[in-house]
Amino acid sequence: MVKTLDRDAEALHRALAVAGDEVRVSLSRETAELVARVVDARVRGQQVLLTRGNAEVTPNEAAVLLGMSRPQVRKLLDQGLLEFRKVGAHHRIRVESIEAFLGAERPRRRAALADLAHVQNELGLTE
């Protein structure tokens, strides 16, 4: 995988070195899928965060990444739903832990939204 990414990165840099508004480059499927996910996120207005594998964030930063308040993040920490370590009196949360939490939450959120849609339909609240 690393060799493929190295090759694709070199191809991208060569293509970007050529003047013009459009770039033509041949990439592996794996790299093209990665680029597509990044572009899709930006189209949806989402921010893209690139970190080291062991990156840590503060509870405030975690709140932004999770789309919730800092007190909600604190509750997740207290409930053991987000892994953290303490640096003095300060909490540090691994980005991997945030990703794992979001991955585990997605099915639960989908089910909750499906239940809500069902209730709305039964009550005739949809058009």
N, C-alpha and C. Protein backbone atom coordinates (compact mmCIF):
# COMPACT_ATOMS: atom_id res chain seq x y z
N MET A 1 0.83 -1.19 0.00
CA MET A 1 0.00 0.00 0.00
C MET A 1 0.87 1.26 0.00
N VAL A 2 1.93 1.29 0.81
CA VAL A 2 2.78 2.47 0.89
C VAL A 2 3.45 2.74 -0.45
N LYS A 3 3.90 1.70 -1.13
CA LYS A 3 4.54 1.90 -2.44
C LYS A 3 3.54 2.48 -3.43
N THR A 4 2.31 2.01 -3.38
CA THR A 4 1.27 2.53 -4.27
C THR A 4 1.01 4.00 -3.98
N LEU A 5 0.89 4.34 -2.70
CA LEU A 5 0.66 5.74 -2.33
C LEU A 5 1.84 6.61 -2.72
N ASP A 6 3.06 6.11 -2.54
CA ASP A 6 4.25 6.87 -2.95
C ASP A 6 4.22 7.14 -4.45
N ARG A 7 3.91 6.10 -5.22
CA ARG A 7 3.85 6.25 -6.67
C ARG A 7 2.77 7.25 -7.07
N ASP A 8 1.58 7.13 -6.44
CA ASP A 8 0.48 8.04 -6.78
C ASP A 8 0.80 9.48 -6.36
N ALA A 9 1.46 9.66 -5.22
CA ALA A 9 1.83 10.99 -4.77
C ALA A 9 2.80 11.63 -5.76
N GLU A 10 3.78 10.86 -6.23
CA GLU A 10 4.72 11.38 -7.22
C GLU A 10 4.00 11.77 -8.51
N ALA A 11 3.06 10.94 -8.95
CA ALA A 11 2.29 11.24 -10.16
C ALA A 11 1.48 12.52 -9.99
N LEU A 12 0.86 12.68 -8.82
CA LEU A 12 0.10 13.90 -8.55
C LEU A 12 0.99 15.13 -8.58
N HIS A 13 2.14 15.06 -7.94
CA HIS A 13 3.04 16.21 -7.91
C HIS A 13 3.56 16.56 -9.30
N ARG A 14 3.86 15.55 -10.10
CA ARG A 14 4.29 15.82 -11.49
C ARG A 14 3.18 16.51 -12.27
N ALA A 15 1.95 16.02 -12.12
CA ALA A 15 0.82 16.60 -12.84
C ALA A 15 0.55 18.03 -12.37
N LEU A 16 0.69 18.28 -11.08
CA LEU A 16 0.45 19.62 -10.55
C LEU A 16 1.54 20.61 -10.94
N ALA A 17 2.71 20.12 -11.30
CA ALA A 17 3.81 20.99 -11.71
C ALA A 17 3.59 21.58 -13.09
N VAL A 18 2.68 20.99 -13.85
CA VAL A 18 2.37 21.48 -15.20
C VAL A 18 1.35 22.61 -15.07
N ALA A 19 1.57 23.70 -15.80
CA ALA A 19 0.66 24.85 -15.74
C ALA A 19 -0.71 24.49 -16.28
N GLY A 20 -1.71 25.20 -15.81
CA GLY A 20 -3.09 25.00 -16.29
C GLY A 20 -4.05 24.77 -15.14
N ASP A 21 -5.34 24.89 -15.45
CA ASP A 21 -6.38 24.75 -14.44
C ASP A 21 -6.82 23.30 -14.23
N GLU A 22 -6.55 22.43 -15.20
CA GLU A 22 -6.95 21.03 -15.08
C GLU A 22 -5.74 20.14 -14.96
N VAL A 23 -5.94 19.03 -14.26
CA VAL A 23 -4.86 18.08 -14.04
C VAL A 23 -5.33 16.71 -14.51
N ARG A 24 -4.48 16.05 -15.25
CA ARG A 24 -4.78 14.68 -15.68
C ARG A 24 -3.70 13.77 -15.12
N VAL A 25 -4.17 12.76 -14.39
CA VAL A 25 -3.23 11.86 -13.75
C VAL A 25 -3.88 10.49 -13.61
N SER A 26 -3.09 9.46 -13.68
CA SER A 26 -3.57 8.10 -13.48
C SER A 26 -3.21 7.67 -12.06
N LEU A 27 -4.24 7.25 -11.29
CA LEU A 27 -4.04 6.85 -9.90
C LEU A 27 -4.55 5.42 -9.70
N SER A 28 -4.04 4.79 -8.66
CA SER A 28 -4.56 3.48 -8.29
C SER A 28 -6.00 3.66 -7.79
N ARG A 29 -6.77 2.61 -7.82
CA ARG A 29 -8.16 2.67 -7.34
C ARG A 29 -8.17 3.09 -5.87
N GLU A 30 -7.26 2.55 -5.07
CA GLU A 30 -7.21 2.86 -3.64
C GLU A 30 -7.02 4.36 -3.40
N THR A 31 -6.09 4.96 -4.13
CA THR A 31 -5.85 6.40 -3.97
C THR A 31 -7.03 7.20 -4.51
N ALA A 32 -7.59 6.78 -5.62
CA ALA A 32 -8.75 7.48 -6.19
C ALA A 32 -9.93 7.46 -5.21
N GLU A 33 -10.13 6.33 -4.52
CA GLU A 33 -11.21 6.24 -3.54
C GLU A 33 -10.95 7.18 -2.36
N LEU A 34 -9.70 7.27 -1.93
CA LEU A 34 -9.32 8.19 -0.85
C LEU A 34 -9.59 9.63 -1.26
N VAL A 35 -9.16 10.00 -2.45
CA VAL A 35 -9.37 11.36 -2.95
C VAL A 35 -10.87 11.64 -3.07
N ALA A 36 -11.65 10.67 -3.54
CA ALA A 36 -13.09 10.85 -3.68
C ALA A 36 -13.75 11.09 -2.33
N ARG A 37 -13.32 10.38 -1.29
CA ARG A 37 -13.89 10.58 0.05
C ARG A 37 -13.59 11.99 0.56
N VAL A 38 -12.38 12.47 0.30
CA VAL A 38 -12.02 13.82 0.73
C VAL A 38 -12.86 14.85 -0.02
N VAL A 39 -12.97 14.69 -1.32
CA VAL A 39 -13.75 15.64 -2.13
C VAL A 39 -15.23 15.58 -1.73
N ASP A 40 -15.77 14.39 -1.51
CA ASP A 40 -17.17 14.26 -1.10
C ASP A 40 -17.42 14.98 0.23
N ALA A 41 -16.49 14.85 1.16
CA ALA A 41 -16.63 15.53 2.45
C ALA A 41 -16.66 17.04 2.26
N ARG A 42 -15.79 17.55 1.43
CA ARG A 42 -15.75 19.00 1.19
C ARG A 42 -17.03 19.47 0.49
N VAL A 43 -17.56 18.66 -0.44
CA VAL A 43 -18.82 19.01 -1.12
C VAL A 43 -19.95 19.13 -0.10
N ARG A 44 -19.94 18.26 0.92
CA ARG A 44 -20.97 18.30 1.96
C ARG A 44 -20.70 19.40 2.98
N GLY A 45 -19.65 20.19 2.77
CA GLY A 45 -19.33 21.28 3.68
C GLY A 45 -18.60 20.84 4.93
N GLN A 46 -18.09 19.62 4.93
CA GLN A 46 -17.38 19.11 6.09
C GLN A 46 -15.91 19.51 6.02
N GLN A 47 -15.30 19.59 7.19
CA GLN A 47 -13.87 19.82 7.25
C GLN A 47 -13.17 18.48 7.14
N VAL A 48 -11.97 18.51 6.62
CA VAL A 48 -11.16 17.30 6.50
C VAL A 48 -9.99 17.46 7.45
N LEU A 49 -9.81 16.48 8.33
CA LEU A 49 -8.76 16.53 9.33
C LEU A 49 -7.75 15.44 9.04
N LEU A 50 -6.51 15.83 8.85
CA LEU A 50 -5.42 14.87 8.65
C LEU A 50 -4.55 14.91 9.89
N THR A 51 -4.32 13.74 10.48
CA THR A 51 -3.53 13.69 11.71
C THR A 51 -2.54 12.54 11.66
N ARG A 52 -1.60 12.57 12.58
CA ARG A 52 -0.73 11.43 12.79
C ARG A 52 -1.59 10.32 13.39
N GLY A 53 -1.10 9.11 13.32
CA GLY A 53 -1.84 7.98 13.86
C GLY A 53 -2.12 8.08 15.34
N ASN A 54 -1.27 8.74 16.09
CA ASN A 54 -1.44 8.83 17.54
C ASN A 54 -1.82 10.23 18.00
N ALA A 55 -2.44 11.00 17.13
CA ALA A 55 -2.79 12.39 17.45
C ALA A 55 -3.80 12.45 18.60
N GLU A 56 -3.65 13.47 19.42
CA GLU A 56 -4.56 13.70 20.54
C GLU A 56 -5.13 15.11 20.44
N VAL A 57 -6.34 15.26 20.97
CA VAL A 57 -6.99 16.57 20.97
C VAL A 57 -7.52 16.86 22.37
N THR A 58 -7.80 18.12 22.60
CA THR A 58 -8.41 18.54 23.87
C THR A 58 -9.91 18.24 23.83
N PRO A 59 -10.58 18.27 24.98
CA PRO A 59 -12.03 18.09 24.96
C PRO A 59 -12.76 19.11 24.09
N ASN A 60 -12.27 20.36 24.05
CA ASN A 60 -12.89 21.36 23.17
C ASN A 60 -12.76 20.96 21.71
N GLU A 61 -11.58 20.51 21.32
CA GLU A 61 -11.37 20.07 19.94
C GLU A 61 -12.18 18.83 19.63
N ALA A 62 -12.27 17.92 20.59
CA ALA A 62 -13.09 16.71 20.41
C ALA A 62 -14.55 17.09 20.21
N ALA A 63 -15.01 18.09 20.94
CA ALA A 63 -16.40 18.53 20.79
C ALA A 63 -16.67 19.00 19.38
N VAL A 64 -15.73 19.73 18.79
CA VAL A 64 -15.89 20.20 17.41
C VAL A 64 -15.94 19.00 16.46
N LEU A 65 -15.02 18.06 16.64
CA LEU A 65 -14.97 16.88 15.77
C LEU A 65 -16.22 16.03 15.88
N LEU A 66 -16.80 15.98 17.08
CA LEU A 66 -17.99 15.16 17.31
C LEU A 66 -19.29 15.91 17.05
N GLY A 67 -19.20 17.22 16.88
CA GLY A 67 -20.40 18.02 16.64
C GLY A 67 -21.29 18.11 17.88
N MET A 68 -20.65 18.24 19.04
CA MET A 68 -21.41 18.34 20.29
C MET A 68 -20.71 19.32 21.21
N SER A 69 -21.31 19.56 22.35
CA SER A 69 -20.75 20.50 23.31
C SER A 69 -19.63 19.85 24.12
N ARG A 70 -18.80 20.69 24.73
CA ARG A 70 -17.74 20.20 25.59
C ARG A 70 -18.30 19.42 26.78
N PRO A 71 -19.40 19.89 27.42
CA PRO A 71 -19.97 19.09 28.51
C PRO A 71 -20.43 17.70 28.06
N GLN A 72 -20.93 17.58 26.82
CA GLN A 72 -21.30 16.25 26.31
C GLN A 72 -20.07 15.37 26.17
N VAL A 73 -18.97 15.95 25.69
CA VAL A 73 -17.72 15.19 25.59
C VAL A 73 -17.30 14.73 26.97
N ARG A 74 -17.42 15.61 27.95
CA ARG A 74 -17.06 15.27 29.33
C ARG A 74 -17.87 14.07 29.82
N LYS A 75 -19.18 14.06 29.49
CA LYS A 75 -20.03 12.92 29.87
C LYS A 75 -19.53 11.62 29.22
N LEU A 76 -19.14 11.72 27.94
CA LEU A 76 -18.63 10.53 27.25
C LEU A 76 -17.35 10.03 27.91
N LEU A 77 -16.51 10.96 28.34
CA LEU A 77 -15.28 10.58 29.04
C LEU A 77 -15.62 9.89 30.36
N ASP A 78 -16.54 10.48 31.11
CA ASP A 78 -16.93 9.94 32.41
C ASP A 78 -17.59 8.57 32.28
N GLN A 79 -18.31 8.35 31.18
CA GLN A 79 -18.98 7.07 30.94
C GLN A 79 -18.05 6.02 30.34
N GLY A 80 -16.82 6.44 30.02
CA GLY A 80 -15.87 5.50 29.44
C GLY A 80 -16.10 5.23 27.97
N LEU A 81 -16.87 6.08 27.30
CA LEU A 81 -17.17 5.88 25.88
C LEU A 81 -16.10 6.47 24.97
N LEU A 82 -15.26 7.34 25.52
CA LEU A 82 -14.11 7.88 24.79
C LEU A 82 -12.87 7.62 25.64
N GLU A 83 -11.87 7.04 25.02
CA GLU A 83 -10.62 6.80 25.74
C GLU A 83 -9.82 8.10 25.83
N PHE A 84 -9.18 8.31 26.95
CA PHE A 84 -8.39 9.52 27.14
C PHE A 84 -7.24 9.23 28.09
N ARG A 85 -6.36 10.18 28.17
CA ARG A 85 -5.31 10.14 29.19
C ARG A 85 -5.24 11.54 29.79
N LYS A 86 -4.69 11.61 30.96
CA LYS A 86 -4.56 12.91 31.63
C LYS A 86 -3.11 13.36 31.56
N VAL A 87 -2.95 14.62 31.24
CA VAL A 87 -1.65 15.28 31.26
C VAL A 87 -1.78 16.34 32.34
N GLY A 88 -1.29 16.04 33.51
CA GLY A 88 -1.55 16.91 34.65
C GLY A 88 -3.03 16.84 34.96
N ALA A 89 -3.69 17.97 34.93
CA ALA A 89 -5.14 18.01 35.17
C ALA A 89 -5.93 18.03 33.87
N HIS A 90 -5.25 17.94 32.74
CA HIS A 90 -5.91 18.10 31.44
C HIS A 90 -6.16 16.76 30.75
N HIS A 91 -7.29 16.65 30.10
CA HIS A 91 -7.65 15.45 29.35
C HIS A 91 -7.11 15.55 27.93
N ARG A 92 -6.62 14.46 27.41
CA ARG A 92 -6.20 14.35 26.01
C ARG A 92 -6.87 13.12 25.42
N ILE A 93 -7.55 13.33 24.31
CA ILE A 93 -8.37 12.28 23.69
C ILE A 93 -7.74 11.92 22.35
N ARG A 94 -7.50 10.64 22.14
CA ARG A 94 -6.92 10.20 20.87
C ARG A 94 -7.94 10.33 19.75
N VAL A 95 -7.51 10.82 18.61
CA VAL A 95 -8.38 10.96 17.45
C VAL A 95 -8.92 9.58 17.06
N GLU A 96 -8.11 8.54 17.21
CA GLU A 96 -8.58 7.18 16.92
C GLU A 96 -9.77 6.81 17.78
N SER A 97 -9.79 7.25 19.03
CA SER A 97 -10.90 6.97 19.93
C SER A 97 -12.17 7.67 19.46
N ILE A 98 -12.01 8.88 18.96
CA ILE A 98 -13.16 9.63 18.43
C ILE A 98 -13.70 8.91 17.19
N GLU A 99 -12.81 8.47 16.31
CA GLU A 99 -13.24 7.74 15.11
C GLU A 99 -13.96 6.45 15.49
N ALA A 100 -13.43 5.73 16.47
CA ALA A 100 -14.06 4.48 16.91
C ALA A 100 -15.44 4.75 17.49
N PHE A 101 -15.56 5.81 18.28
CA PHE A 101 -16.85 6.17 18.87
C PHE A 101 -17.86 6.49 17.76
N LEU A 102 -17.45 7.31 16.80
CA LEU A 102 -18.36 7.66 15.70
C LEU A 102 -18.77 6.43 14.90
N GLY A 103 -17.81 5.53 14.67
CA GLY A 103 -18.13 4.30 13.93
C GLY A 103 -19.14 3.45 14.67
N ALA A 104 -19.02 3.38 15.99
CA ALA A 104 -19.97 2.60 16.79
C ALA A 104 -21.32 3.29 16.89
N GLU A 105 -21.34 4.61 16.82
CA GLU A 105 -22.57 5.38 16.95
C GLU A 105 -23.42 5.37 15.68
N ARG A 106 -22.78 5.27 14.53
CA ARG A 106 -23.53 5.37 13.27
C ARG A 106 -24.71 4.40 13.19
N PRO A 107 -24.52 3.11 13.46
CA PRO A 107 -25.68 2.19 13.38
C PRO A 107 -26.78 2.56 14.38
N ARG A 108 -26.40 2.97 15.58
CA ARG A 108 -27.39 3.36 16.58
C ARG A 108 -28.18 4.58 16.12
N ARG A 109 -27.47 5.55 15.54
CA ARG A 109 -28.14 6.76 15.05
C ARG A 109 -29.07 6.44 13.89
N ARG A 110 -28.61 5.57 12.98
CA ARG A 110 -29.47 5.18 11.85
C ARG A 110 -30.75 4.52 12.34
N ALA A 111 -30.62 3.63 13.32
CA ALA A 111 -31.79 2.95 13.87
C ALA A 111 -32.73 3.95 14.54
N ALA A 112 -32.17 4.90 15.28
CA ALA A 112 -33.00 5.91 15.95
C ALA A 112 -33.73 6.78 14.93
N LEU A 113 -33.05 7.15 13.85
CA LEU A 113 -33.70 7.95 12.81
C LEU A 113 -34.79 7.16 12.10
N ALA A 114 -34.55 5.87 11.88
CA ALA A 114 -35.57 5.03 11.25
C ALA A 114 -36.79 4.92 12.16
N ASP A 115 -36.57 4.77 13.48
CA ASP A 115 -37.69 4.72 14.43
C ASP A 115 -38.46 6.03 14.42
N LEU A 116 -37.75 7.14 14.38
CA LEU A 116 -38.39 8.45 14.36
C LEU A 116 -39.22 8.62 13.09
N ALA A 117 -38.68 8.21 11.96
CA ALA A 117 -39.42 8.30 10.70
C ALA A 117 -40.68 7.43 10.75
N HIS A 118 -40.58 6.26 11.35
CA HIS A 118 -41.73 5.37 11.49
C HIS A 118 -42.83 6.03 12.33
N VAL A 119 -42.44 6.64 13.45
CA VAL A 119 -43.40 7.32 14.32
C VAL A 119 -44.04 8.49 13.57
N GLN A 120 -43.24 9.25 12.83
CA GLN A 120 -43.78 10.37 12.06
C GLN A 120 -44.80 9.88 11.04
N ASN A 121 -44.50 8.79 10.37
CA ASN A 121 -45.42 8.24 9.38
C ASN A 121 -46.73 7.78 10.04
N GLU A 122 -46.61 7.11 11.18
CA GLU A 122 -47.81 6.64 11.89
C GLU A 122 -48.68 7.79 12.36
N LEU A 123 -48.05 8.88 12.75
CA LEU A 123 -48.82 10.03 13.22
C LEU A 123 -49.27 10.95 12.08
N GLY A 124 -48.86 10.64 10.87
CA GLY A 124 -49.23 11.46 9.72
C GLY A 124 -48.53 12.81 9.71
N LEU A 125 -47.33 12.87 10.24
CA LEU A 125 -46.61 14.13 10.31
C LEU A 125 -45.76 14.40 9.08
N THR A 126 -45.74 13.48 8.13
CA THR A 126 -44.97 13.69 6.90
C THR A 126 -45.93 13.96 5.76
N GLU A 127 -45.42 14.60 4.76
CA GLU A 127 -46.26 14.96 3.60
C GLU A 127 -46.36 13.83 2.63
